[in-house]
Protein backbone atom coordinates (compact mmCIF):
# COMPACT_ATOMS: atom_id res chain seq x y z
CA MET A 1 4.32 30.13 46.34
CA GLY A 2 6.22 27.57 44.35
CA ASP A 3 7.30 25.00 46.95
CA ARG A 4 5.40 21.79 47.49
CA PHE A 5 2.43 22.09 49.83
CA TRP A 6 3.71 21.54 53.36
CA VAL A 7 1.09 18.87 54.20
CA PHE A 8 2.58 16.61 51.51
CA ASP A 9 5.93 16.85 53.30
CA TRP A 10 4.28 16.08 56.65
CA LEU A 11 2.58 12.98 55.23
CA GLU A 12 5.84 11.79 53.73
CA GLU A 13 7.87 12.40 56.88
CA ASN A 14 5.40 10.36 58.93
CA GLN A 15 4.98 7.67 56.25
CA ILE A 16 1.23 8.15 56.06
CA THR A 17 -0.21 6.81 52.84
CA SER A 18 -3.89 6.26 53.62
CA LEU A 19 -6.82 7.83 55.41
CA ALA A 20 -6.92 4.94 57.88
CA GLN A 21 -3.29 5.54 58.87
CA ALA A 22 -3.99 9.25 59.30
CA ALA A 23 -7.02 8.52 61.48
CA THR A 24 -4.85 6.38 63.75
CA PHE A 25 -1.94 8.83 63.85
CA LEU A 26 -3.65 12.21 64.35
CA PRO A 27 -5.06 11.54 67.86
CA LYS A 28 -1.63 10.61 69.22
CA TYR A 29 0.05 12.86 71.75
CA GLY A 30 1.77 15.91 70.27
CA VAL A 31 0.68 15.30 66.65
CA ILE A 32 -1.77 18.20 66.40
CA ASP A 33 0.79 20.51 68.05
CA SER A 34 3.40 19.49 65.47
CA LEU A 35 0.90 20.18 62.70
CA LYS A 36 0.18 23.64 64.08
CA GLN A 37 3.90 24.33 64.14
CA GLY A 38 4.22 23.15 60.55
CA ALA A 39 1.34 25.41 59.51
CA ALA A 40 2.93 28.41 61.21
CA GLU A 41 6.33 27.71 59.65
CA SER A 42 4.77 27.35 56.20
CA LEU A 43 3.44 30.91 56.44
CA GLU A 44 6.85 32.20 57.48
CA ASN A 45 8.99 30.27 55.01
CA ARG A 46 6.84 29.81 51.95
CA PRO A 47 7.61 32.49 49.34
CA ILE A 48 4.55 34.35 48.10
CA ALA A 49 4.72 35.10 44.40
CA ARG A 50 2.38 35.27 41.46
CA PRO A 51 2.02 31.88 39.76
CA ARG A 52 2.94 31.44 36.14
CA ASP A 53 0.68 33.06 33.55
CA LEU A 54 -0.92 29.79 32.43
CA SER A 55 -2.51 29.19 35.81
CA ILE A 56 -6.11 29.25 36.97
CA VAL A 57 -7.96 29.49 40.27
CA ALA A 58 -10.25 26.52 40.84
CA GLY A 59 -13.67 27.69 41.96
CA THR A 60 -15.87 26.21 44.65
CA GLY A 61 -16.92 22.69 43.72
CA ILE A 62 -13.54 21.73 42.27
CA ASP A 63 -11.17 23.53 44.66
CA LEU A 64 -10.56 20.23 46.53
CA SER A 65 -12.57 21.30 49.57
CA GLY A 66 -15.83 19.85 50.82
CA GLY A 67 -18.60 21.66 52.62
CA HIS A 68 -21.91 23.35 51.92
CA THR A 69 -21.35 23.72 48.18
CA ALA A 70 -19.59 20.43 47.41
CA CYS A 71 -19.96 16.79 48.39
CA PRO A 72 -17.59 16.15 51.35
CA SER A 73 -17.34 12.34 51.21
CA PRO A 74 -13.92 10.77 50.40
CA GLU A 75 -15.29 9.41 47.11
CA CYS A 76 -16.64 12.81 46.09
CA MET A 77 -13.42 14.51 47.13
CA ARG A 78 -11.43 12.20 44.84
CA ALA A 79 -13.97 12.84 42.09
CA GLN A 80 -13.28 16.57 42.51
CA VAL A 81 -9.69 15.92 41.48
CA ASP A 82 -10.82 14.11 38.31
CA GLU A 83 -13.32 16.84 37.48
CA LEU A 84 -10.69 19.52 38.06
CA PHE A 85 -8.07 17.96 35.79
CA LYS A 86 -10.65 17.14 33.15
CA ARG A 87 -11.10 20.90 32.78
CA VAL A 88 -7.50 22.08 33.06
CA TRP A 89 -5.04 19.35 32.00
CA HIS A 90 -5.13 20.32 28.30
CA TYR A 91 -4.06 23.93 28.80
CA PHE A 92 -3.07 25.20 32.25
CA ASP A 93 0.27 24.69 34.00
CA LYS A 94 -0.82 25.31 37.57
CA ILE A 95 -4.14 25.15 39.42
CA ILE A 96 -4.77 27.20 42.55
CA VAL A 97 -6.88 25.20 45.01
CA ARG A 98 -8.09 25.89 48.53
CA ASP A 99 -5.87 25.31 51.55
CA MET A 100 -8.20 23.96 54.25
CA PHE A 101 -5.39 22.85 56.56
CA THR A 102 -3.37 25.95 57.48
CA PRO A 103 -6.33 28.21 58.36
CA ASN A 104 -8.04 25.53 60.46
CA LEU A 105 -4.86 24.75 62.36
CA LEU A 106 -4.11 28.40 63.08
CA GLN A 107 -7.62 29.76 63.58
CA ASP A 108 -8.42 31.71 66.74
CA PRO A 109 -10.20 30.44 68.74
CA VAL A 110 -8.94 26.95 67.96
CA ALA A 111 -11.59 24.31 67.31
CA PRO A 112 -11.93 21.47 69.86
CA ARG A 113 -9.27 18.82 69.28
CA GLU A 114 -11.66 16.09 68.12
CA ALA A 115 -13.48 18.45 65.78
CA LEU A 116 -10.17 19.65 64.32
CA ILE A 117 -9.04 16.08 63.70
CA ASN A 118 -12.29 15.37 61.84
CA ILE A 119 -11.83 18.51 59.73
CA LEU A 120 -8.29 17.49 58.78
CA LEU A 121 -9.34 13.93 57.96
CA SER A 122 -12.17 15.18 55.75
CA HIS A 123 -9.70 17.10 53.55
CA LEU A 124 -6.96 14.51 53.22
CA PRO A 125 -8.48 12.27 50.48
CA PRO A 126 -7.66 14.67 47.60
CA LEU A 127 -4.04 14.87 48.77
CA PHE A 128 -3.64 11.10 48.77
CA TYR A 129 -5.17 10.96 45.30
CA LEU A 130 -2.95 13.77 43.98
CA ARG A 131 0.10 11.81 45.15
CA GLU A 132 -1.27 8.63 43.57
CA ILE A 133 -1.67 10.20 40.11
CA GLY A 134 1.53 12.24 40.23
CA ALA A 135 -0.16 15.65 40.26
CA GLU A 136 1.40 17.20 43.38
CA SER A 137 3.46 19.65 41.33
CA LEU A 138 0.46 20.87 39.32
CA VAL A 139 -1.46 22.36 42.26
CA GLU A 140 -0.87 25.29 44.59
CA PHE A 141 -2.78 25.49 47.88
CA VAL A 142 -3.94 28.96 48.95
CA ALA A 143 -6.22 29.94 51.84
CA LYS A 144 -9.51 31.51 50.82
CA SER A 145 -11.06 34.22 52.96
CA VAL A 146 -14.82 33.72 53.43
CA CYS A 147 -16.97 36.09 55.50
CA HIS A 148 -20.59 35.08 56.08
CA GLU A 149 -21.44 38.01 58.34
CA HIS A 150 -20.79 40.75 55.79
CA TRP A 151 -21.49 38.67 52.68
CA LYS A 152 -23.44 41.39 50.85
CA ARG A 153 -20.81 44.13 51.26
CA HIS A 154 -17.94 41.83 50.27
CA ALA A 155 -19.84 40.61 47.21
CA GLU A 156 -20.35 44.19 46.04
CA GLU A 157 -16.66 44.95 46.65
CA GLU A 158 -15.72 42.09 44.31
CA GLY A 159 -17.99 43.31 41.52
CA LEU A 160 -20.97 41.08 42.28
CA GLY A 161 -23.44 43.90 42.90
CA ALA A 162 -25.61 42.73 40.01
CA ALA A 163 -25.90 39.30 41.62
CA VAL A 164 -26.91 40.88 44.92
CA ASP A 165 -29.56 42.95 43.13
CA SER A 166 -30.84 39.79 41.38
CA ARG A 167 -31.23 37.93 44.65
CA SER A 168 -35.04 37.68 44.46
CA SER A 169 -35.20 36.53 40.84
CA LEU A 170 -32.32 34.04 41.20
CA THR A 171 -33.75 32.45 44.33
CA GLU A 172 -37.20 32.22 42.75
CA GLN A 173 -35.75 30.53 39.64
CA LEU A 174 -33.92 28.10 41.89
CA ARG A 175 -37.06 27.36 43.90
CA GLU A 176 -39.12 26.69 40.77
CA THR A 177 -36.63 24.21 39.26
CA ALA A 178 -35.46 22.43 42.43
CA ILE A 179 -36.67 19.27 44.13
CA PHE A 180 -37.48 19.52 47.85
CA PHE A 181 -37.91 16.60 50.22
CA PHE A 182 -37.91 15.58 53.89
CA HIS A 183 -35.28 13.08 55.01
CA ASP A 184 -33.39 12.39 58.23
CA ASP A 185 -29.67 13.06 58.22
CA ALA A 186 -27.01 10.50 59.23
CA GLU A 187 -27.64 11.20 62.94
CA GLY A 188 -31.39 10.75 62.56
CA ASP A 189 -32.33 14.44 62.79
CA PRO A 190 -35.24 15.47 60.52
CA PHE A 191 -34.01 17.67 57.65
CA TYR A 192 -35.58 19.49 54.72
CA TRP A 193 -33.44 19.16 51.60
CA ILE A 194 -33.04 20.79 48.21
CA GLU A 195 -31.53 19.22 45.08
CA SER A 196 -31.03 21.04 41.80
CA PRO A 197 -28.84 20.87 38.66
CA GLU A 198 -27.87 24.42 39.61
CA LEU A 199 -26.07 23.17 42.74
CA SER A 200 -22.93 21.11 43.23
CA SER A 201 -24.61 19.01 45.92
CA ARG A 202 -27.81 18.91 47.89
CA ALA A 203 -28.29 21.25 50.86
CA GLY A 204 -30.60 21.09 53.86
CA ILE A 205 -31.82 22.68 57.08
CA ARG A 206 -32.79 21.07 60.39
CA LEU A 207 -36.53 21.19 60.94
CA LYS A 208 -36.21 21.68 64.69
CA ASP A 209 -34.48 25.03 64.07
CA TYR A 210 -37.56 26.37 62.22
CA PRO A 211 -40.62 24.90 63.94
CA ASP A 212 -42.99 27.70 62.89
CA LEU A 213 -42.45 27.52 59.12
CA ASP A 214 -44.75 25.66 56.72
CA GLU A 215 -43.31 23.88 53.67
CA ARG A 216 -43.50 26.93 51.42
CA GLY A 217 -41.72 28.97 54.07
CA LEU A 218 -39.06 26.27 54.39
CA GLN A 219 -38.52 26.38 50.63
CA ARG A 220 -38.06 30.13 50.52
CA LEU A 221 -35.72 30.07 53.49
CA LEU A 222 -33.67 27.22 52.07
CA VAL A 223 -33.17 28.74 48.60
CA ASP A 224 -32.18 32.06 50.20
CA LEU A 225 -29.62 30.35 52.44
CA VAL A 226 -28.26 28.47 49.41
CA PHE A 227 -28.02 31.69 47.42
CA ARG A 228 -26.13 33.47 50.20
CA GLU A 229 -23.75 30.53 50.74
CA HIS A 230 -22.91 30.25 47.04
CA LEU A 231 -22.47 34.01 46.66
CA THR A 232 -20.20 34.06 49.71
CA GLN A 233 -18.06 31.24 48.33
CA LEU A 234 -17.93 32.89 44.89
CA THR A 235 -16.83 36.15 46.50
CA GLY A 236 -13.93 34.33 48.14
CA ASP A 237 -13.01 32.70 44.82
CA ILE A 238 -12.96 36.04 43.03
CA ARG A 239 -10.86 37.62 45.78
CA VAL A 240 -8.16 34.95 45.32
CA ALA A 241 -8.28 35.22 41.52
CA ARG A 242 -7.93 39.00 41.62
CA HIS A 243 -5.13 38.87 44.18
CA PHE A 244 -3.03 36.71 41.84
CA LYS A 245 -4.39 38.32 38.66
CA LEU A 246 -5.54 34.93 37.37
CA PRO A 247 -8.72 33.65 35.71
CA LEU A 248 -11.34 31.85 37.79
CA GLY A 249 -12.68 28.44 36.80
CA ALA A 250 -16.28 28.31 38.07
CA VAL A 251 -18.27 25.09 37.62
CA SER A 252 -21.50 25.69 39.54
CA HIS A 253 -24.47 26.66 37.37
CA ILE A 254 -25.65 29.15 39.96
CA HIS A 255 -22.19 30.72 40.00
CA GLY A 256 -22.45 31.04 36.25
CA ARG A 257 -25.68 32.99 36.66
CA MET A 258 -24.09 35.22 39.27
CA LEU A 259 -21.16 35.89 36.95
CA ALA A 260 -23.36 36.60 33.92
CA SER A 261 -21.87 39.52 32.02
CA ALA A 262 -22.14 41.28 28.70
CA VAL A 263 -18.40 41.13 28.06
CA PRO A 264 -17.00 38.48 25.68
CA PRO A 265 -15.50 35.35 27.28
CA THR A 266 -11.75 35.24 27.79
CA LEU A 267 -9.40 32.60 26.41
CA ALA A 268 -9.20 30.99 29.84
CA ASP A 269 -13.01 30.92 30.15
CA VAL A 270 -13.35 29.02 26.88
CA VAL A 271 -10.60 26.44 27.35
CA PHE A 272 -11.86 25.78 30.89
CA SER A 273 -15.34 25.17 29.44
CA LEU A 274 -14.08 22.84 26.70
CA ASN A 275 -15.77 19.46 27.02
CA LEU A 276 -14.06 16.49 25.35
CA PRO A 277 -16.31 13.42 25.60
CA ILE A 278 -13.78 11.46 23.53
CA LEU A 279 -11.59 11.35 26.64
CA ASP A 280 -14.26 9.92 28.93
CA GLY A 281 -12.86 6.84 30.61
CA VAL A 282 -9.21 7.87 30.29
CA PRO A 283 -7.69 7.79 33.82
CA THR A 284 -6.50 11.16 35.09
CA LYS A 285 -3.13 9.62 35.87
CA SER A 286 -2.71 8.62 32.20
CA LEU A 287 -3.50 12.14 31.02
CA ILE A 288 -0.95 13.65 33.39
CA GLU A 289 1.71 11.13 32.36
CA LEU A 290 0.99 11.92 28.70
CA ARG A 291 1.59 15.62 29.33
CA GLN A 292 5.01 14.77 30.73
CA GLN A 293 5.93 12.27 28.01
CA GLU A 294 4.71 14.35 25.07
CA HIS A 295 5.61 17.82 26.30
CA ASP A 296 6.53 19.25 22.89
CA ALA A 297 3.32 17.93 21.37
CA PHE A 298 1.38 19.37 24.32
CA VAL A 299 2.88 22.83 23.77
CA ARG A 300 1.95 22.71 20.06
CA PHE A 301 -1.59 21.66 20.88
CA ARG A 302 -2.00 24.36 23.50
CA SER A 303 -0.74 27.04 21.13
CA SER A 304 -3.09 25.84 18.39
CA LEU A 305 -6.03 25.76 20.80
CA ALA A 306 -5.33 29.29 22.01
CA LYS A 307 -5.19 30.56 18.42
CA ALA A 308 -8.45 28.83 17.48
CA VAL A 309 -10.27 30.17 20.54
CA THR A 310 -9.03 33.73 19.99
CA GLU A 311 -10.15 33.69 16.37
CA GLN A 312 -13.53 32.16 17.20
CA VAL A 313 -14.30 34.74 19.89
CA LYS A 314 -13.24 37.57 17.57
CA GLN A 315 -15.25 36.34 14.58
CA SER A 316 -18.42 35.18 16.31
CA GLY A 317 -18.68 37.82 19.01
CA ALA A 318 -20.24 35.15 21.23
CA ARG A 319 -20.91 35.96 24.89
CA ASP A 320 -21.16 32.40 26.19
CA ALA A 321 -17.87 30.60 26.91
CA GLN A 322 -19.49 27.17 26.70
CA ALA A 323 -20.98 27.96 23.30
CA VAL A 324 -17.59 29.06 21.96
CA ALA A 325 -15.91 25.97 23.43
CA GLU A 326 -18.47 23.67 21.81
CA GLN A 327 -17.96 25.40 18.46
CA ILE A 328 -14.21 24.88 18.76
CA ARG A 329 -14.77 21.21 19.48
CA LEU A 330 -17.08 20.75 16.48
CA ASP A 331 -15.26 22.95 13.95
CA VAL A 332 -11.60 22.41 14.88
CA ILE A 333 -10.90 19.51 17.20
CA GLU A 334 -13.22 16.77 15.89
CA PRO A 335 -12.38 17.34 12.18
CA SER A 336 -8.63 17.42 12.94
CA LEU A 337 -8.78 14.17 14.90
CA ALA A 338 -10.86 12.55 12.16
CA GLY A 339 -8.26 13.66 9.60
CA ILE A 340 -5.43 12.08 11.59
CA ARG A 341 -7.34 8.82 11.97
CA GLN A 342 -8.18 8.74 8.26
CA ARG A 343 -4.57 9.36 7.21
CA LEU A 344 -3.24 6.64 9.47
CA ARG A 345 -5.90 4.13 8.44
CA ALA A 346 -5.15 4.70 4.77
CA SER A 347 -1.41 4.35 5.39
CA GLU A 348 -1.85 1.20 7.47
CA LYS A 349 -4.16 -0.33 4.86
CA ALA A 350 -1.65 0.30 2.07
CA LEU A 351 1.12 -1.11 4.23
CA ALA A 352 -0.87 -4.24 5.06
CA ASN A 353 -1.72 -4.88 1.40
CA LYS A 354 1.83 -4.39 0.13
CA ALA A 355 3.51 -6.21 2.96
CA GLY A 356 1.08 -9.13 2.76
CA VAL A 357 1.73 -9.69 -0.97
CA ALA A 358 5.47 -9.28 -0.55
CA LEU A 359 5.73 -11.73 2.30
CA PHE A 360 3.68 -14.33 0.45
CA LEU A 361 5.58 -14.08 -2.84
CA GLY A 362 8.93 -13.78 -1.12
CA ALA A 363 8.31 -16.89 0.94
CA LEU A 364 6.98 -18.79 -2.09
CA ALA A 365 9.91 -17.86 -4.35
CA THR A 366 12.46 -18.62 -1.65
CA THR A 367 10.91 -21.99 -0.95
CA CYS A 368 10.76 -22.92 -4.61
CA GLY A 369 14.33 -21.77 -5.15
CA VAL A 370 15.63 -23.76 -2.23
CA LEU A 371 13.77 -26.86 -3.44
CA GLY A 372 15.28 -26.35 -6.87
CA GLY A 373 18.78 -26.11 -5.47
CA LEU A 374 19.32 -22.37 -5.84
CA PRO A 375 20.73 -20.30 -2.97
CA PRO A 376 18.15 -17.95 -1.34
CA PRO A 377 19.59 -14.70 -2.77
CA LEU A 378 19.11 -16.06 -6.30
CA ALA A 379 15.82 -17.78 -5.60
CA VAL A 380 13.66 -14.66 -5.62
CA SER A 381 12.16 -13.94 -8.99
CA GLY A 382 12.19 -10.50 -10.58
CA GLY A 383 8.45 -10.09 -9.94
CA ALA A 384 8.85 -10.94 -6.29
CA VAL A 385 11.74 -8.49 -5.93
CA ALA A 386 9.60 -5.76 -7.45
CA THR A 387 6.75 -6.59 -5.08
CA ILE A 388 9.02 -6.58 -2.05
CA THR A 389 10.46 -3.26 -3.19
CA ALA A 390 6.93 -1.89 -3.42
CA ALA A 391 6.31 -3.09 0.11
CA ASN A 392 9.44 -1.31 1.28
CA VAL A 393 8.11 1.87 -0.31
CA ALA A 394 4.81 1.36 1.53
CA VAL A 395 6.68 0.88 4.79
CA GLN A 396 8.64 4.08 4.21
CA ARG A 397 5.47 5.97 3.31
CA HIS A 398 3.83 4.70 6.50
CA ILE A 399 6.82 5.83 8.55
CA ASP A 400 6.71 9.23 6.85
CA GLU A 401 2.99 9.52 7.53
CA ARG A 402 3.48 8.71 11.20
CA GLN A 403 6.24 11.30 11.36
CA GLN A 404 4.00 13.96 9.82
CA VAL A 405 1.19 13.09 12.22
CA SER A 406 3.56 13.39 15.19
CA VAL A 407 4.08 17.09 14.43
CA ASP A 408 0.39 17.75 13.78
CA GLU A 409 -1.12 20.37 16.09
CA MET A 410 -3.71 17.85 17.30
CA TYR A 411 -1.30 14.94 17.74
CA PHE A 412 -1.20 15.40 21.52
CA LEU A 413 -4.97 15.11 21.79
CA TRP A 414 -4.99 12.15 19.40
CA LYS A 415 -2.49 10.37 21.65
CA ALA A 416 -4.77 11.05 24.61
CA VAL A 417 -7.73 9.57 22.76
CA GLU A 418 -5.69 6.45 22.01
CA HIS A 419 -5.48 5.83 25.77
CA SER A 420 -9.25 5.33 25.81
CA HIS A 421 -9.12 2.34 23.44
C-alpha cells in the first residue's frame, strides 16, 4: 500500500473526467482487457504494508461501495464521501475503503461484459468526487473478502459469535421497529421492502420468488436476510481491520448492535463518533484544504482531542463511544470555541472604539491645522496624539490576541467553523 489507487491513474491516462465519458469509453474494443491487465499489474506491483497508525478502516455504508447495505445511486455514492470525511477529517491520516474494481475485474468466472461495465460504472462516482475535492491521497483501496455461503462460521471466527447467538432477538427488534411496504422496482417487478433507522438503505425481496408466503412470513424472511447480509458485510470489515491492525469505523445502527461489548470504547471509536453540527454546511473540499493549509494547528488540535478523549474515558468509565464523544463536544470543544469567539469579539470591539476615536480626532485636528496654516505634523493636538497612541496600543493588543488564538489548541476547529459563515 502507499501508491495512488491504480484506477485514478487509468482515468488520468485516458482523460476521463466524468461518468458520461466513462460510459462511452468502457464499451470500446480492448478497454476492458486493458483494465484487467491494469488490475493484475496492481496486485503484482503495489507494495503491501501496514498503513500509518492514525488510519481507520471505513465500514460498510461509508466504504465508498454501493450494494445491499448502502444506496448505490451516483448521488448517494458522492454523499458517502461527505459522510466519511465528516467522521474522519479531524483526526485520521488515512482511510481504508473498499476496492470494488480489482476483484470484479479479476474474478473467476468473469462476469458478462455488459454486467461488468455496469458494475464498474456504478463505483466510479466516488472516485470522480475524491479527485474533485483533492482527497485522493487520503484514501487507500483494499479488497474486502465477503462469503455469504459460510457467513455464520466466518462471523464466529471474527469474534461475532454473540451476534450470531442474538440473531432471533435482533431480527425481532428490527421487525418491530421497521416499516414494510409493497412497491414495484425500477423494472416493474413487485417487491416487498423494509425501511428502518437501523439500516443504511432500504432492502427488498421479489414477491415472485416467494409466492407461498403471507405478509408476516415475508417480514420474517426479509429481516432475517437483512440480518445475515449486514453480519456478512461486518465480518468482512472486521477481517480487513484485523489484518492491518487498525480500528473499524462502523456507521450502521445494526452493526453497532452486533458489535455491542462490555469493554470501554477506544480513542478511535470516540473520535470517529464525534458529531460537530457547527460544521454542517462546510464543503468537504474546504475542510480538506484547511487541513493542508493549517497543518501545525491541525496537529495541535488532534493531540488535544486525543488527550481529552483519553481522560474522559478513564474518568467516566463510559461504555458508549457516542456518549463519550458527545460529552467531549459539550465539555471541551464548545466551551473552547466560545472562549475564542469571546476573546476576539472583545479585542475587535476595543480596537473599533479606539481606532474610531483616533481617526475622527486625527482627521479633525489635521484639517483644522491645515486651515490655520500649520503643517500636518504640527497640526495634531496633544490630546489627539494621546488618543492615536491609545489606538495603536489597541491595534497591538488585537494583533497579540490573534497571535495567542492562533496557537490555541482549538484554533484549527475555530478556523473550520469560520468557513461556515
